[in-house]
């Protein structure tokens, strides 16, 4: 197999730097691919990623209708039909970015086909991307997990008109499924995500290559003294999928009186989570932090006595691996891919039934009462993260999939 350095276009319709997973994936994968000698250029819509030296960035501007500071404000004149489509889809309750970003980025890439050996799409799955192989660019896609899972969980938590608006918002999922079926090779971080994509998207098992996501074990590491009673969780505050409400209900049942919870997330004023915190009388025990840099996040995780991932579903879970690498004892739900990540034998982390605040509270209390068990779990978790989840290993395996896609594209072109 040809081992020359590759020229890689990595596309991501949004790449928020420190949360949500997409920006974390883009930054770390691109850095490690560049460290292997490949030339990587990221093509991203806003919010744009933080990238390391040696990785190029081409910004693909959108109307940025979901900017945190100014949501739903167009802020500029329409430039073309794609802008009109983006605005009109938003106005009718849909989420336009996968479709509109794919149209914009394909226009850019078609003008530069001779500069790249392969295009790697980070879960945009927009229909325009399927034109790239015909333009001479092999195409690989990542599905961290099918968004159909998010849709099902949000619909289950909603009622009335809210259900109708959610169905419209998630209309892009049908398109993503169709695009996924048209791709030759797909990456996924876990067998659980593969199974869900086969079930919900109708893709074939042979399309997938499982490549776990990595963690920076030099940044996320044990750092000394821990704050007594501190629990840390990283999850979107008002997204049912992430299970924060389960953890809050568990907090209300803890026997450990000095326990406190730090949530790495932005709290929506007047949102369901703020209301639940007040209803449970937890305002003095729960705090929310956002906008943390990588080192600040690593320090926070290493300061906790316990980390928790209460999700109702995870296609992989970077927060779980980052907590494990920090040597922080982890309690996680048994949902999605979390048993694959944490391990099922209880040596590197404890699993509890998803959506069960009573059992979660019991496990947290048990851990706070058992410092020796916390030490054993933390050490085993650190070793599991160090040996099984690294960004270097992710990059090497991903580059292998690129070469497979390139070889397949050449064979098909020769027919």
Protein backbone atom coordinates (compact mmCIF):
# COMPACT_ATOMS: atom_id res chain seq x y z
CA UNK A 1 0.00 0.00 0.00
CA UNK A 2 1.16 3.52 -0.84
CA UNK A 3 2.53 5.08 2.38
CA UNK A 4 3.20 8.60 1.13
CA UNK A 5 1.80 11.49 3.20
CA UNK A 6 -1.81 12.28 2.39
CA UNK A 7 -3.49 15.59 1.59
CA UNK A 8 -6.65 15.61 3.69
CA UNK A 9 -9.68 17.91 3.62
CA UNK A 10 -11.55 17.58 6.93
CA UNK A 11 -15.05 19.08 6.82
CA UNK A 12 -17.24 19.99 9.80
CA UNK A 13 -20.41 22.07 9.55
CA UNK A 14 -19.79 23.53 13.02
CA UNK A 15 -16.78 23.05 15.29
CA UNK A 16 -17.40 24.69 18.66
CA UNK A 17 -13.98 24.51 20.32
CA UNK A 18 -14.57 23.18 23.85
CA UNK A 19 -17.92 21.44 23.97
CA UNK A 20 -20.33 19.41 21.90
CA UNK A 21 -17.65 17.02 20.68
CA UNK A 22 -17.33 18.20 17.07
CA UNK A 23 -14.69 20.86 17.65
CA UNK A 24 -12.79 18.59 20.06
CA UNK A 25 -12.71 15.81 17.47
CA UNK A 26 -11.63 18.09 14.63
CA UNK A 27 -8.84 19.72 16.62
CA UNK A 28 -7.30 16.58 18.07
CA UNK A 29 -7.62 14.39 14.99
CA UNK A 30 -6.19 17.08 12.69
CA UNK A 31 -3.25 17.69 15.04
CA UNK A 32 -2.32 14.01 15.24
CA UNK A 33 -2.72 13.48 11.49
CA UNK A 34 -0.35 16.40 10.92
CA UNK A 35 2.08 14.89 13.45
CA UNK A 36 2.11 11.73 11.29
CA UNK A 37 3.29 13.85 8.35
CA UNK A 38 -0.02 14.34 6.53
CA UNK A 39 -1.18 17.75 5.28
CA UNK A 40 -4.54 18.59 6.84
CA UNK A 41 -6.87 21.47 6.06
CA UNK A 42 -10.08 21.91 8.02
CA UNK A 43 -13.14 23.36 6.29
CA UNK A 44 -15.63 24.51 8.90
CA UNK A 45 -18.72 26.58 9.32
CA UNK A 46 -19.10 28.77 12.42
CA UNK A 47 -18.38 28.46 15.26
CA UNK A 48 -14.86 27.80 13.99
CA UNK A 49 -12.44 25.41 15.71
CA UNK A 50 -9.28 26.12 17.63
CA UNK A 51 -6.54 24.36 15.64
CA UNK A 52 -2.91 23.62 16.34
CA UNK A 53 0.13 24.81 14.41
CA UNK A 54 0.59 22.95 11.15
CA UNK A 55 -3.14 22.54 10.43
CA UNK A 56 -4.85 24.84 7.93
CA UNK A 57 -8.30 26.33 8.33
CA UNK A 58 -10.66 27.47 5.60
CA UNK A 59 -13.67 29.22 7.05
CA UNK A 60 -16.94 28.48 5.26
CA UNK A 61 -19.21 31.33 6.39
CA UNK A 62 -22.90 30.77 6.96
CA UNK A 63 -25.60 33.12 8.21
CA UNK A 64 -24.64 31.85 11.69
CA UNK A 65 -28.27 31.83 12.78
CA UNK A 66 -27.52 29.93 15.98
CA UNK A 67 -24.75 32.16 17.30
CA UNK A 68 -24.90 32.02 21.11
CA UNK A 69 -24.72 35.78 21.47
CA UNK A 70 -27.21 36.71 18.73
CA UNK A 71 -29.42 33.71 17.85
CA UNK A 72 -31.72 33.89 14.81
CA UNK A 73 -30.26 37.18 13.61
CA UNK A 74 -29.20 37.21 9.98
CA UNK A 75 -26.81 40.16 10.35
CA UNK A 76 -25.99 40.52 6.64
CA UNK A 77 -27.62 40.55 3.24
CA UNK A 78 -28.29 37.32 1.40
CA UNK A 79 -25.39 36.44 -0.87
CA UNK A 80 -26.90 33.57 -2.85
CA UNK A 81 -29.65 30.95 -3.00
CA UNK A 82 -28.00 28.89 -0.24
CA UNK A 83 -28.35 31.82 2.16
CA UNK A 84 -32.02 32.09 1.25
CA UNK A 85 -32.48 28.34 1.84
CA UNK A 86 -30.75 28.57 5.22
CA UNK A 87 -32.90 31.46 6.41
CA UNK A 88 -36.14 30.02 5.05
CA UNK A 89 -35.53 26.62 6.67
CA UNK A 90 -34.86 28.28 10.03
CA UNK A 91 -38.00 30.41 9.70
CA UNK A 92 -40.12 27.29 9.12
CA UNK A 93 -38.70 25.48 12.15
CA UNK A 94 -36.09 23.29 10.48
CA UNK A 95 -32.35 22.98 11.07
CA UNK A 96 -30.61 23.94 7.81
CA UNK A 97 -26.88 23.71 8.55
CA UNK A 98 -26.02 20.17 7.34
CA UNK A 99 -27.64 20.81 3.96
CA UNK A 100 -26.44 24.39 3.48
CA UNK A 101 -22.88 23.77 4.70
CA UNK A 102 -22.53 20.82 2.34
CA UNK A 103 -23.57 23.01 -0.60
CA UNK A 104 -21.04 25.69 0.33
CA UNK A 105 -18.11 23.40 1.07
CA UNK A 106 -18.59 21.32 -2.08
CA UNK A 107 -18.41 24.52 -4.14
CA UNK A 108 -15.07 25.32 -2.48
CA UNK A 109 -13.66 21.81 -2.81
CA UNK A 110 -14.64 21.39 -6.45
CA UNK A 111 -12.46 24.38 -7.26
CA UNK A 112 -9.52 22.69 -5.49
CA UNK A 113 -9.88 19.00 -6.37
CA UNK A 114 -6.22 18.66 -7.35
CA UNK A 115 -5.06 19.72 -3.89
CA UNK A 116 -6.48 16.79 -1.89
CA UNK A 117 -6.33 13.01 -1.87
CA UNK A 118 -9.41 12.46 0.30
CA UNK A 119 -12.27 14.32 1.97
CA UNK A 120 -13.31 13.35 5.50
CA UNK A 121 -16.72 14.62 6.57
CA UNK A 122 -17.39 14.98 10.31
CA UNK A 123 -21.10 14.05 10.51
CA UNK A 124 -22.41 16.77 8.22
CA UNK A 125 -23.93 14.12 5.95
CA UNK A 126 -25.35 16.80 3.68
CA UNK A 127 -26.58 15.69 0.24
CA UNK A 128 -24.19 17.83 -1.81
CA UNK A 129 -21.24 15.83 -0.44
CA UNK A 130 -22.21 12.84 -2.59
CA UNK A 131 -21.05 14.83 -5.63
CA UNK A 132 -17.42 14.75 -4.47
CA UNK A 133 -16.48 11.20 -5.59
CA UNK A 134 -17.74 12.06 -9.08
CA UNK A 135 -15.49 15.12 -8.99
CA UNK A 136 -12.46 12.92 -8.25
CA UNK A 137 -12.34 13.15 -4.44
CA UNK A 138 -12.75 9.97 -2.35
CA UNK A 139 -15.16 10.57 0.53
CA UNK A 140 -15.07 9.18 4.07
CA UNK A 141 -17.68 10.07 6.70
CA UNK A 142 -17.78 9.92 10.49
CA UNK A 143 -21.00 9.08 12.30
CA UNK A 144 -20.38 9.57 16.02
CA UNK A 145 -23.91 8.30 16.52
CA UNK A 146 -27.08 8.65 14.42
CA UNK A 147 -28.98 11.80 15.40
CA UNK A 148 -32.14 9.72 15.20
CA UNK A 149 -31.34 8.72 18.79
CA UNK A 150 -31.39 12.36 19.94
CA UNK A 151 -34.68 12.82 18.10
CA UNK A 152 -36.32 9.81 19.77
CA UNK A 153 -35.26 10.87 23.27
CA UNK A 154 -36.33 14.50 22.77
CA UNK A 155 -39.70 13.41 21.42
CA UNK A 156 -40.19 11.07 24.38
CA UNK A 157 -39.63 14.00 26.76
CA UNK A 158 -41.96 16.38 24.87
CA UNK A 159 -45.70 16.77 24.46
CA UNK A 160 -48.24 18.74 22.45
CA UNK A 161 -46.99 21.37 20.03
CA UNK A 162 -43.43 20.83 21.20
CA UNK A 163 -43.49 17.38 19.59
CA UNK A 164 -44.58 18.89 16.26
CA UNK A 165 -41.79 21.47 16.35
CA UNK A 166 -39.21 18.80 17.19
CA UNK A 167 -40.30 16.65 14.26
CA UNK A 168 -39.78 19.64 11.96
CA UNK A 169 -36.42 20.54 13.55
CA UNK A 170 -35.10 17.01 13.12
CA UNK A 171 -36.24 16.77 9.52
CA UNK A 172 -32.58 16.75 8.43
CA UNK A 173 -32.13 13.28 9.97
CA UNK A 174 -33.89 11.59 7.03
CA UNK A 175 -31.47 13.30 4.66
CA UNK A 176 -28.47 12.26 6.75
CA UNK A 177 -29.63 8.65 6.59
CA UNK A 178 -29.89 8.79 2.79
CA UNK A 179 -26.42 10.36 2.46
CA UNK A 180 -24.89 7.80 4.83
CA UNK A 181 -26.26 4.96 2.72
CA UNK A 182 -24.54 6.50 -0.31
CA UNK A 183 -21.06 6.61 1.25
CA UNK A 184 -18.53 3.86 0.66
CA UNK A 185 -16.73 4.05 4.01
CA UNK A 186 -17.87 5.35 7.37
CA UNK A 187 -16.04 5.74 10.67
CA UNK A 188 -17.73 5.26 14.03
CA UNK A 189 -16.23 5.26 17.53
CA UNK A 190 -18.08 2.21 18.87
CA UNK A 191 -19.88 -0.96 17.89
CA UNK A 192 -22.96 0.41 19.64
CA UNK A 193 -23.07 3.41 17.30
CA UNK A 194 -22.62 1.11 14.31
CA UNK A 195 -25.57 -1.01 15.42
CA UNK A 196 -27.74 2.07 15.90
CA UNK A 197 -26.80 3.46 12.48
CA UNK A 198 -27.61 0.13 10.83
CA UNK A 199 -30.99 0.09 12.59
CA UNK A 200 -31.97 3.75 12.10
CA UNK A 201 -30.14 4.82 8.95
CA UNK A 202 -30.30 1.58 6.98
CA UNK A 203 -26.55 1.54 6.33
CA UNK A 204 -24.68 -1.73 5.89
CA UNK A 205 -22.27 -3.16 8.44
CA UNK A 206 -19.56 -3.51 5.79
CA UNK A 207 -19.58 0.27 5.26
CA UNK A 208 -18.21 0.84 8.79
CA UNK A 209 -14.77 0.88 10.33
CA UNK A 210 -14.77 1.25 14.14
CA UNK A 211 -12.13 3.74 15.31
CA UNK A 212 -12.39 4.82 18.98
CA UNK A 213 -11.87 8.49 19.80
CA UNK A 214 -8.81 9.49 21.77
CA UNK A 215 -7.89 11.66 24.72
CA UNK A 216 -4.87 13.86 25.44
CA UNK A 217 -3.46 11.89 28.37
CA UNK A 218 -0.77 14.51 29.01
CA UNK A 219 -3.32 17.25 29.53
CA UNK A 220 -5.96 15.11 31.24
CA UNK A 221 -4.06 13.54 34.12
CA UNK A 222 -4.12 13.33 37.92
CA UNK A 223 -2.99 16.68 39.40
CA UNK A 224 -2.80 16.31 43.17
CA UNK A 225 -5.34 17.14 45.86
CA UNK A 226 -9.05 16.74 45.17
CA UNK A 227 -11.89 18.85 46.54
CA UNK A 228 -13.82 16.81 49.14
CA UNK A 229 -17.32 15.93 47.95
CA UNK A 230 -16.93 17.46 44.48
CA UNK A 231 -18.76 15.73 41.63
CA UNK A 232 -18.11 16.97 38.10
CA UNK A 233 -20.21 16.26 35.04
CA UNK A 234 -19.93 17.57 31.48
CA UNK A 235 -23.30 17.58 29.78
CA UNK A 236 -25.59 19.98 27.96
CA UNK A 237 -27.90 21.34 30.63
CA UNK A 238 -31.21 21.26 28.75
CA UNK A 239 -30.71 18.27 26.42
CA UNK A 240 -32.66 15.24 27.72
CA UNK A 241 -30.22 12.87 26.01
CA UNK A 242 -27.48 13.84 28.46
CA UNK A 243 -29.43 12.84 31.57
CA UNK A 244 -28.59 15.81 33.76
CA UNK A 245 -32.07 15.70 35.29
CA UNK A 246 -31.33 12.16 36.48
CA UNK A 247 -28.14 13.31 38.19
CA UNK A 248 -29.90 16.28 39.80
CA UNK A 249 -32.58 13.98 41.21
CA UNK A 250 -29.83 11.72 42.52
CA UNK A 251 -28.14 14.72 44.17
CA UNK A 252 -31.37 15.45 46.02
CA UNK A 253 -31.26 11.93 47.49
CA UNK A 254 -27.60 11.78 48.54
CA UNK A 255 -26.80 10.97 52.15
CA UNK A 256 -23.37 12.59 51.74
CA UNK A 257 -24.11 16.04 53.13
CA UNK A 258 -20.94 17.75 51.86
CA UNK A 259 -21.37 16.63 48.22
CA UNK A 260 -21.52 19.36 45.57
CA UNK A 261 -22.00 19.18 41.82
CA UNK A 262 -20.18 21.23 39.18
CA UNK A 263 -21.80 21.06 35.75
CA UNK A 264 -19.67 22.03 32.75
CA UNK A 265 -22.42 23.62 30.69
CA UNK A 266 -24.12 26.93 30.05
CA UNK A 267 -27.37 27.20 32.01
CA UNK A 268 -30.30 28.61 30.07
CA UNK A 269 -32.07 31.24 32.22
CA UNK A 270 -35.60 30.07 32.89
CA UNK A 271 -34.92 26.71 31.21
CA UNK A 272 -36.01 23.30 32.43
CA UNK A 273 -32.75 22.64 34.28
CA UNK A 274 -32.79 25.92 36.20
CA UNK A 275 -36.39 25.19 37.21
CA UNK A 276 -35.51 21.65 38.33
CA UNK A 277 -32.56 22.86 40.43
CA UNK A 278 -34.91 25.25 42.23
CA UNK A 279 -37.66 22.64 42.59
CA UNK A 280 -35.21 20.19 44.22
CA UNK A 281 -33.72 22.85 46.51
CA UNK A 282 -30.23 22.33 45.10
CA UNK A 283 -29.18 25.89 44.27
CA UNK A 284 -26.58 25.92 47.07
CA UNK A 285 -25.06 22.58 45.97
CA UNK A 286 -25.01 22.85 42.17
CA UNK A 287 -22.94 25.26 40.09
CA UNK A 288 -22.58 25.71 36.33
CA UNK A 289 -19.41 26.74 34.50
CA UNK A 290 -18.86 27.32 30.78
CA UNK A 291 -16.26 28.72 28.40
CA UNK A 292 -13.41 26.75 29.98
CA UNK A 293 -10.15 26.29 28.09
CA UNK A 294 -8.66 22.81 27.75
CA UNK A 295 -6.29 23.24 30.69
CA UNK A 296 -9.02 24.69 32.91
CA UNK A 297 -11.28 21.76 32.09
CA UNK A 298 -8.48 19.28 32.81
CA UNK A 299 -7.80 20.94 36.17
CA UNK A 300 -11.49 20.84 37.08
CA UNK A 301 -11.82 17.14 36.26
CA UNK A 302 -8.68 16.32 38.23
CA UNK A 303 -10.02 18.26 41.25
CA UNK A 304 -13.15 16.10 41.58
CA UNK A 305 -13.53 13.16 43.92
CA UNK A 306 -16.02 11.62 41.50
CA UNK A 307 -17.03 12.22 37.88
CA UNK A 308 -20.43 11.28 36.51
CA UNK A 309 -21.79 10.64 33.02
CA UNK A 310 -25.56 10.17 33.49
CA UNK A 311 -26.45 10.10 29.79
CA UNK A 312 -29.47 8.27 28.43
CA UNK A 313 -27.37 7.58 25.32
CA UNK A 314 -23.78 8.04 24.17
CA UNK A 315 -22.25 7.10 20.84
CA UNK A 316 -18.84 7.16 22.54
CA UNK A 317 -18.32 9.76 25.36
CA UNK A 318 -15.29 11.99 25.40
CA UNK A 319 -16.25 13.25 28.87
CA UNK A 320 -16.00 9.70 30.22
CA UNK A 321 -12.56 9.13 28.72
CA UNK A 322 -11.28 12.53 29.86
CA UNK A 323 -12.42 11.81 33.41
CA UNK A 324 -10.78 8.39 33.28
CA UNK A 325 -7.52 9.86 32.01
CA UNK A 326 -7.66 12.32 34.92
CA UNK A 327 -7.68 9.39 37.34
CA UNK A 328 -11.09 10.51 38.61
CA UNK A 329 -13.40 7.69 39.78
CA UNK A 330 -16.28 7.49 37.31
CA UNK A 331 -19.93 6.57 37.70
CA UNK A 332 -21.69 6.28 34.34
CA UNK A 333 -24.99 5.02 33.00
CA UNK A 334 -25.11 1.75 31.11
CA UNK A 335 -26.52 3.46 28.02
CA UNK A 336 -25.22 3.37 24.46
CA UNK A 337 -21.48 2.88 24.12
CA UNK A 338 -20.61 3.72 27.72
CA UNK A 339 -20.09 0.06 28.72
CA UNK A 340 -17.63 -0.25 25.81
CA UNK A 341 -15.75 2.83 26.98
CA UNK A 342 -15.76 2.26 30.73
CA UNK A 343 -15.59 -1.54 30.67
CA UNK A 344 -18.25 -3.86 31.99
CA UNK A 345 -16.32 -5.46 34.86
CA UNK A 346 -16.36 -2.50 37.27
CA UNK A 347 -12.59 -2.19 37.57
CA UNK A 348 -12.21 1.15 35.74
CA UNK A 349 -15.62 2.68 36.48
CA UNK A 350 -19.05 1.88 37.85
CA UNK A 351 -22.12 1.47 35.64
CA UNK A 352 -25.67 2.16 36.81
CA UNK A 353 -28.99 1.71 34.98
CA UNK A 354 -29.70 4.69 32.75
CA UNK A 355 -32.46 6.95 34.04
CA UNK A 356 -32.34 5.54 37.60
CA UNK A 357 -31.59 8.34 40.11
CA UNK A 358 -32.05 6.05 43.15
CA UNK A 359 -29.29 3.63 42.13
CA UNK A 360 -27.09 6.52 40.98
CA UNK A 361 -27.40 8.20 44.38
CA UNK A 362 -26.58 4.94 46.13
CA UNK A 363 -23.41 4.40 44.05
CA UNK A 364 -22.23 7.97 44.65
CA UNK A 365 -22.78 7.63 48.39
CA UNK A 366 -20.90 4.32 48.40
CA UNK A 367 -17.94 5.90 46.64
CA UNK A 368 -17.76 8.88 48.96
CA UNK A 369 -17.64 6.43 51.88
CA UNK A 370 -14.85 4.33 50.34
CA UNK A 371 -11.59 6.28 49.69
CA UNK A 372 -9.63 3.10 48.92
CA UNK A 373 -12.15 2.08 46.25
CA UNK A 374 -11.97 5.57 44.74
CA UNK A 375 -8.18 5.26 44.54
CA UNK A 376 -8.38 1.84 42.87
CA UNK A 377 -11.00 2.97 40.35
CA UNK A 378 -9.08 6.14 39.51
CA UNK A 379 -5.80 4.30 38.91
CA UNK A 380 -7.44 1.64 36.75
CA UNK A 381 -9.37 4.26 34.79
CA UNK A 382 -6.19 6.22 34.09
CA UNK A 383 -4.45 3.09 32.81
CA UNK A 384 -7.40 2.12 30.60
CA UNK A 385 -7.53 5.57 29.04
CA UNK A 386 -3.76 5.67 28.52
CA UNK A 387 -3.53 2.27 26.83
CA UNK A 388 -6.79 2.06 24.88
CA UNK A 389 -7.76 5.63 23.97
CA UNK A 390 -5.18 7.96 22.46
CA UNK A 391 -5.48 10.49 19.64
CA UNK A 392 -2.33 9.11 18.05
CA UNK A 393 -3.94 5.69 17.70
CA UNK A 394 -7.13 7.33 16.38
CA UNK A 395 -5.16 9.22 13.72
CA UNK A 396 -3.21 6.15 12.58
CA UNK A 397 -6.35 4.06 12.22
CA UNK A 398 -8.19 6.91 10.47
CA UNK A 399 -5.36 7.34 7.97
CA UNK A 400 -5.64 3.64 7.20
CA UNK A 401 -9.31 4.11 6.34
CA UNK A 402 -8.37 7.04 4.08
CA UNK A 403 -5.95 4.83 2.16
CA UNK A 404 -8.61 2.15 1.80
CA UNK A 405 -11.06 4.72 0.43
CA UNK A 406 -8.48 6.09 -2.01
CA UNK A 407 -7.62 2.62 -3.27
CA UNK A 408 -11.30 1.76 -3.71
CA UNK A 409 -11.94 5.02 -5.57
CA UNK A 410 -9.06 4.29 -7.95
CA UNK A 411 -10.29 0.75 -8.64
CA UNK A 412 -13.78 1.99 -9.41
CA UNK A 413 -12.39 4.73 -11.65
CA UNK A 414 -10.41 2.17 -13.62
CA UNK A 415 -13.49 0.11 -14.49
